[in-house]
Protein backbone atom coordinates (compact mmCIF):
# COMPACT_ATOMS: atom_id res chain seq x y z
CA MET A 1 -5.48 -2.90 4.83
CA ARG A 2 -5.07 -6.46 6.15
CA TYR A 3 -2.82 -9.14 4.71
CA PRO A 4 -2.95 -12.79 5.79
CA VAL A 5 0.30 -13.88 7.44
CA MET A 6 1.74 -17.29 8.31
CA ILE A 7 3.59 -17.36 11.63
CA ARG A 8 5.72 -20.30 12.74
CA ARG A 9 7.65 -20.98 15.93
CA THR A 10 11.36 -21.58 15.36
CA SER A 11 14.13 -22.70 17.69
CA THR A 12 14.99 -19.04 18.36
CA GLY A 13 11.57 -17.37 18.24
CA TYR A 14 9.13 -16.85 15.38
CA SER A 15 9.22 -16.41 11.62
CA ALA A 16 6.49 -14.79 9.56
CA ASP A 17 5.76 -14.68 5.84
CA VAL A 18 3.04 -13.30 3.59
CA PRO A 19 1.56 -15.67 0.98
CA ASP A 20 0.42 -12.71 -1.16
CA LEU A 21 3.92 -11.17 -1.16
CA PRO A 22 6.59 -13.77 -1.97
CA GLY A 23 9.87 -12.85 -0.30
CA CYS A 24 8.24 -10.69 2.36
CA VAL A 25 9.44 -12.23 5.62
CA ALA A 26 10.33 -11.26 9.19
CA THR A 27 11.68 -12.91 12.33
CA ALA A 28 11.47 -12.01 16.00
CA SER A 29 12.01 -13.48 19.45
CA SER A 30 8.36 -13.06 20.49
CA LEU A 31 5.00 -13.46 18.82
CA GLU A 32 4.08 -9.82 19.44
CA ASN A 33 7.33 -8.61 17.88
CA ALA A 34 6.87 -10.99 14.93
CA ARG A 35 3.49 -9.38 14.19
CA LYS A 36 5.01 -5.88 14.44
CA SER A 37 8.02 -6.82 12.31
CA ILE A 38 5.97 -8.41 9.54
CA ALA A 39 3.62 -5.41 9.46
CA LYS A 40 6.65 -3.14 8.87
CA ALA A 41 8.02 -5.59 6.29
CA ILE A 42 4.71 -5.58 4.40
CA ALA A 43 4.59 -1.77 4.31
CA MET A 44 8.20 -1.58 3.06
CA HIS A 45 7.64 -4.38 0.53
CA LEU A 46 4.58 -2.65 -0.93
CA GLU A 47 6.35 0.71 -1.01
CA LEU A 48 9.29 -0.76 -2.93
CA MET A 49 6.94 -2.51 -5.35
CA GLU A 50 5.13 0.76 -5.94
CA GLN A 51 8.40 2.66 -6.48
CA THR A 52 9.53 0.16 -9.11
CA GLY A 53 6.18 0.24 -10.93
CA GLU A 54 5.09 -3.27 -10.01
CA VAL A 55 1.42 -4.12 -9.73
CA LEU A 56 0.52 -4.48 -6.05
CA PRO A 57 -1.49 -7.58 -5.19
CA PRO A 58 -4.64 -7.04 -3.16
CA PRO A 59 -4.82 -8.89 0.15
CA SER A 60 -6.36 -12.34 -0.12
CA SER A 61 -9.55 -13.03 1.78
CA SER A 62 -8.56 -16.68 2.35
CA VAL A 63 -5.42 -18.81 2.55
CA ASN A 64 -4.91 -22.46 1.67
CA PHE A 65 -3.53 -23.70 5.00
CA VAL A 66 -1.68 -27.01 5.08
CA ILE A 67 -0.48 -28.24 8.47
CA ASP A 68 3.28 -28.71 8.73
CA GLU A 69 3.70 -31.76 10.97
CA SER A 70 7.33 -30.81 11.70
CA ALA A 71 6.45 -27.35 13.07
CA ASP A 72 6.02 -26.76 16.80
CA ASP A 73 3.49 -23.95 16.34
CA GLU A 74 2.07 -22.70 13.10
CA PHE A 75 -0.91 -20.49 12.40
CA CYS A 76 -2.40 -17.99 10.02
CA THR A 77 -3.51 -14.54 11.14
CA TRP A 78 -4.19 -11.08 9.75
CA VAL A 79 -1.77 -8.19 10.06
CA ASP A 80 -2.95 -4.63 9.61
CA VAL A 81 -0.77 -2.35 7.49
CA GLU A 82 -1.08 1.35 8.27
CA ALA A 83 -0.21 2.96 4.95
CA ALA A 84 -2.44 1.91 2.07
CA PRO A 85 -0.57 1.90 -1.26
CA ALA A 86 -1.87 4.16 -3.99
CA VAL A 87 -2.24 1.47 -6.67
CA ILE A 88 -3.55 -2.02 -5.98
CA ALA A 89 -4.59 -4.48 -8.66
CA ARG A 90 -8.28 -5.36 -8.56
């Protein structure tokens, strides 16, 4: 399963968030570690949603991307999540 992720450079490394999963965020000192961290965060976020009976949002196939003029680097990418949740809204 692939979720779109926004990754931004910060003064100390990178931050990542998932538009489909509000509150699902991660930070890291390198881009590679940011991708790994957000993939783990997505899996944990979906698992917790499933455990509490929340409806899991399916991954979006597109993202409305608005350029942040104050950001040094900013881009949207896909992050693969290993474990597919049992129940996803369609």
